[in-house]
Amino acid sequence: MAIVNHTFVEQTTEQTHTGDALFTDITGAEITSGNFIAGKKYLIITNAQVGGDSSSDSFDLQTLHGSTAFAESRYSMEPNHTASNEYMRSYTWFTVWTAVTSEGIKMQFQTSNSSQTVKVDQVKKAALSTKETLLAQKKEIDAGLVNLDARLCQEIGFPLSSQLEAEARFLMLIL
């Protein structure tokens, strides 16, 4: 079975934020830009547990590429209770994204009331190469192997037949 190129990160330590109503980065669970090839497509999957300590305020979570939030990734919830073991809700979001130079994938959270505490736990993110990206990478590898085969044959003095040479050139053109 072929292995799909992928990156997986997780942060399993609860994180909290209090003191302002601004979106704040969730640390320890970023997929850095070095894991992507600009212009290639990736399936991005994110999941986390989010909650807070107020039943009358909202707590938000969003996913970003670089410093830009995916508009449709924003999730807002209002817990139903405020006990010491706050009710956590699951956030799951995914998209197909075309990688941009120097942009990674991260998540942020916020509370609508700066005196309340937003909490996030069990953050998981995955980026999987799409079929299109895998096929493009395979074509690059195949083209390189055709070139390597032709060069090796020439270096060891093994004569390439006209047909083999024509096939190698044809493969380089289509790959």
Protein backbone atom coordinates (compact mmCIF):
# COMPACT_ATOMS: atom_id res chain seq x y z
CA MET A 1 0.00 0.00 0.00
CA ALA A 2 1.33 3.46 -0.89
CA ILE A 3 1.93 5.97 1.88
CA VAL A 4 0.26 9.37 1.50
CA ASN A 5 2.51 12.33 2.23
CA HIS A 6 1.13 13.95 5.37
CA THR A 7 1.93 15.98 8.45
CA PHE A 8 0.21 15.54 11.81
CA VAL A 9 0.57 17.69 14.92
CA GLU A 10 -1.25 17.65 18.22
CA GLN A 11 -1.34 19.60 21.46
CA THR A 12 -2.85 17.56 24.29
CA THR A 13 -2.31 20.05 27.10
CA GLU A 14 -5.25 22.31 27.94
CA GLN A 15 -4.59 25.95 27.09
CA THR A 16 -6.48 28.97 28.39
CA HIS A 17 -6.75 32.68 27.63
CA THR A 18 -8.19 35.49 29.78
CA GLY A 19 -7.73 39.23 29.82
CA ASP A 20 -8.81 40.47 26.42
CA ALA A 21 -11.31 39.67 23.68
CA LEU A 22 -8.69 39.29 20.94
CA PHE A 23 -7.93 36.16 18.95
CA THR A 24 -4.82 34.52 20.41
CA ASP A 25 -2.61 31.80 18.89
CA ILE A 26 -2.91 28.30 20.33
CA THR A 27 0.70 27.29 20.91
CA GLY A 28 2.30 23.95 20.16
CA ALA A 29 0.05 22.81 17.33
CA GLU A 30 1.17 24.65 14.21
CA ILE A 31 1.93 22.93 10.93
CA THR A 32 4.85 25.05 9.79
CA SER A 33 5.35 26.35 6.26
CA GLY A 34 8.27 23.96 5.73
CA ASN A 35 5.76 21.10 5.49
CA PHE A 36 4.18 22.53 2.32
CA ILE A 37 5.22 23.08 -1.28
CA ALA A 38 3.89 26.43 -2.54
CA GLY A 39 1.28 26.01 -5.26
CA LYS A 40 0.44 22.42 -4.29
CA LYS A 41 -2.94 21.40 -2.85
CA TYR A 42 -3.43 19.86 0.59
CA LEU A 43 -6.38 18.54 2.55
CA ILE A 44 -6.27 20.37 5.90
CA ILE A 45 -8.17 18.78 8.81
CA THR A 46 -8.42 20.40 12.25
CA ASN A 47 -10.06 19.24 15.46
CA ALA A 48 -10.14 20.55 19.04
CA GLN A 49 -12.23 20.70 22.18
CA VAL A 50 -13.29 24.26 23.09
CA GLY A 51 -15.14 25.69 26.06
CA GLY A 52 -15.20 28.43 28.66
CA ASP A 53 -16.28 29.48 32.12
CA SER A 54 -19.44 31.44 31.35
CA SER A 55 -22.86 30.39 30.16
CA SER A 56 -23.66 33.87 28.84
CA ASP A 57 -20.55 34.64 26.76
CA SER A 58 -19.31 33.13 23.52
CA PHE A 59 -15.99 31.43 22.93
CA ASP A 60 -14.54 31.30 19.43
CA LEU A 61 -12.03 29.20 17.52
CA GLN A 62 -10.64 29.64 14.00
CA THR A 63 -8.03 28.14 11.65
CA LEU A 64 -5.52 30.29 9.78
CA HIS A 65 -3.05 30.00 6.93
CA GLY A 66 -0.21 32.37 7.75
CA SER A 67 -1.93 35.32 9.44
CA THR A 68 -5.17 35.02 7.42
CA ALA A 69 -8.15 33.21 8.90
CA PHE A 70 -10.09 30.85 6.66
CA ALA A 71 -13.40 32.78 6.76
CA GLU A 72 -15.54 29.65 6.96
CA SER A 73 -13.44 28.12 9.77
CA ARG A 74 -14.72 30.35 12.56
CA TYR A 75 -16.69 28.52 15.24
CA SER A 76 -18.54 30.27 18.04
CA MET A 77 -20.10 28.49 21.00
CA GLU A 78 -21.86 29.42 24.21
CA PRO A 79 -21.52 26.78 26.94
CA ASN A 80 -24.60 25.55 28.72
CA HIS A 81 -23.04 25.51 32.17
CA THR A 82 -20.22 26.98 34.21
CA ALA A 83 -19.17 24.23 36.62
CA SER A 84 -15.46 23.77 37.34
CA ASN A 85 -15.33 21.06 34.67
CA GLU A 86 -16.64 23.30 31.90
CA TYR A 87 -18.56 21.71 29.11
CA MET A 88 -16.27 21.33 26.07
CA ARG A 89 -17.58 21.11 22.54
CA SER A 90 -15.88 19.56 19.56
CA TYR A 91 -14.61 21.76 16.75
CA THR A 92 -13.89 19.96 13.48
CA TRP A 93 -13.15 21.77 10.25
CA PHE A 94 -11.50 20.87 6.94
CA THR A 95 -10.71 22.36 3.54
CA VAL A 96 -8.56 21.84 0.47
CA TRP A 97 -5.94 24.58 0.45
CA THR A 98 -3.34 25.61 -2.11
CA ALA A 99 -0.12 26.23 -0.18
CA VAL A 100 1.39 29.70 -0.20
CA THR A 101 5.09 30.46 0.33
CA SER A 102 5.98 30.97 4.01
CA GLU A 103 2.47 30.15 5.30
CA GLY A 104 1.77 27.45 7.85
CA ILE A 105 -1.50 26.34 9.44
CA LYS A 106 -2.40 27.40 12.98
CA MET A 107 -5.43 27.94 15.21
CA GLN A 108 -6.56 30.80 17.44
CA PHE A 109 -9.14 31.19 20.19
CA GLN A 110 -10.92 34.10 21.89
CA THR A 111 -13.58 35.00 24.41
CA SER A 112 -16.23 37.67 23.81
CA ASN A 113 -15.78 38.98 27.36
CA SER A 114 -12.26 39.80 28.56
CA SER A 115 -13.10 38.78 32.14
CA GLN A 116 -13.98 35.24 31.05
CA THR A 117 -11.62 32.37 30.22
CA VAL A 118 -11.66 30.45 26.96
CA LYS A 119 -10.19 26.93 27.04
CA VAL A 120 -9.01 24.58 24.33
CA ASP A 121 -7.73 21.03 24.61
CA GLN A 122 -6.89 18.02 22.44
CA VAL A 123 -5.92 20.10 19.38
CA LYS A 124 -5.12 17.97 16.34
CA LYS A 125 -4.21 19.04 12.81
CA ALA A 126 -3.33 17.09 9.70
CA ALA A 127 -2.27 18.12 6.22
CA LEU A 128 -2.47 15.47 3.49
CA SER A 129 -1.23 15.79 -0.05
CA THR A 130 -4.11 15.70 -2.49
CA LYS A 131 -4.23 13.33 -5.45
CA GLU A 132 -3.28 16.24 -7.72
CA THR A 133 -0.17 17.01 -5.64
CA LEU A 134 0.81 13.34 -5.41
CA LEU A 135 0.47 12.90 -9.19
CA ALA A 136 2.59 16.00 -9.84
CA GLN A 137 5.28 14.70 -7.46
CA LYS A 138 5.17 11.26 -9.12
CA LYS A 139 5.62 12.83 -12.56
CA GLU A 140 8.67 14.74 -11.29
CA ILE A 141 10.16 11.53 -9.86
CA ASP A 142 9.39 9.52 -13.02
CA ALA A 143 10.97 12.18 -15.25
CA GLY A 144 14.06 12.17 -13.04
CA LEU A 145 14.32 8.36 -13.24
CA VAL A 146 14.07 8.41 -17.04
CA ASN A 147 16.91 10.94 -17.17
CA LEU A 148 18.92 8.90 -14.68
CA ASP A 149 18.44 5.67 -16.68
CA ALA A 150 19.58 7.35 -19.90
CA ARG A 151 22.64 8.93 -18.23
CA LEU A 152 23.67 5.67 -16.55
CA CYS A 153 23.44 3.79 -19.83
CA GLN A 154 25.65 6.39 -21.51
CA GLU A 155 28.18 6.46 -18.63
CA ILE A 156 28.73 2.69 -18.61
CA GLY A 157 28.88 2.60 -22.38
CA PHE A 158 25.67 0.64 -22.81
CA PRO A 159 24.27 1.67 -26.19
CA LEU A 160 20.73 2.94 -26.14
CA SER A 161 18.69 1.56 -28.97
CA SER A 162 16.91 4.09 -31.13
CA GLN A 163 13.58 2.84 -29.86
CA LEU A 164 14.60 3.02 -26.18
CA GLU A 165 16.02 6.50 -26.70
CA ALA A 166 12.82 7.61 -28.45
CA GLU A 167 10.73 6.18 -25.61
CA ALA A 168 12.85 7.95 -23.02
CA ARG A 169 12.49 11.29 -24.83
CA PHE A 170 8.73 10.75 -25.20
CA LEU A 171 8.37 9.99 -21.49
CA MET A 172 10.33 13.11 -20.58
CA LEU A 173 7.97 15.18 -22.72
CA ILE A 174 4.76 13.83 -21.23
CA LEU A 175 5.93 13.59 -17.60
